[in-house]
Amino acid sequence: MQQFLKFLLDDEISPIKSEKQTFNKGQKLLLEDIDKTVNYVFGISEGIVAMNSDTVTIDFLGVNQFLGLYMNDELNLHGEILSKTAVIWKFELTDVLAKVTSHKKGLLLYNKHVMDIQKNVTQKSNVMKLNNSNKVLLSLRTIASRFGEELDSHDVVRIPAYFTRKVLSNYTNIKATTLTNVLNKLYSKDKILYGRRVILVYI
């Protein structure tokens, strides 16, 4: 989705207001201003952001993805920085939609982004219907495929350290103690390599 962020930042095509900001781990990205009169969109230039509804994590967003374009009236969405730092571009939603609807290319890029997010949310919803072992294993494989760090051994991928047990617990909606038991079970069955601060997933 690099093209979409580049499109929004291109001042030669219907220029809109934007603000580049740097955030630290744990900081929140609120989709409304304090008066709830302005809605915001955040484009991620560097870092990882959790898309949360209250205390439950709906999805994880990485470089060139957006928070604020996927809308669901039933979810009170906000973002939280997972990585040590994140570089974020902040836009007003009305400006983004005006620019998108004025250009065919923008509309195509917007639709692709929304479809990708919807696909991730639907996939997660299906995974959450499984038993805890399969739920955790498939969630780890999804995270590994999108954000994992490849090692010299090509059959395993390291889950980045900022995907802590607390983060995984919020994502899978499994209590932390139960999650630890599930991770130990997957380790004993050679599905993952699991230590105090590292999770390696076989691919």
Foldseek 3Di string as FASTA:
>chain_A
DQVLVVLQCDCVQLHFDKDKDKDFAFDKAAQAPPVRPWGKKKAWQAAKKFWDFVLATQDIDGHRAMDRLADDPVGRIMIGGLDGMTIIMMGTPVSLVVRLVVDVVSVVVSVVRNVVSVVSNVVLVVLLVDPPLSSLLVVVVVQCVVPWDADPPRFKTKRDQSCDLSVSCSHSVNDSVVNVVSLVVCVVVVQWPDDDRIIIGGD
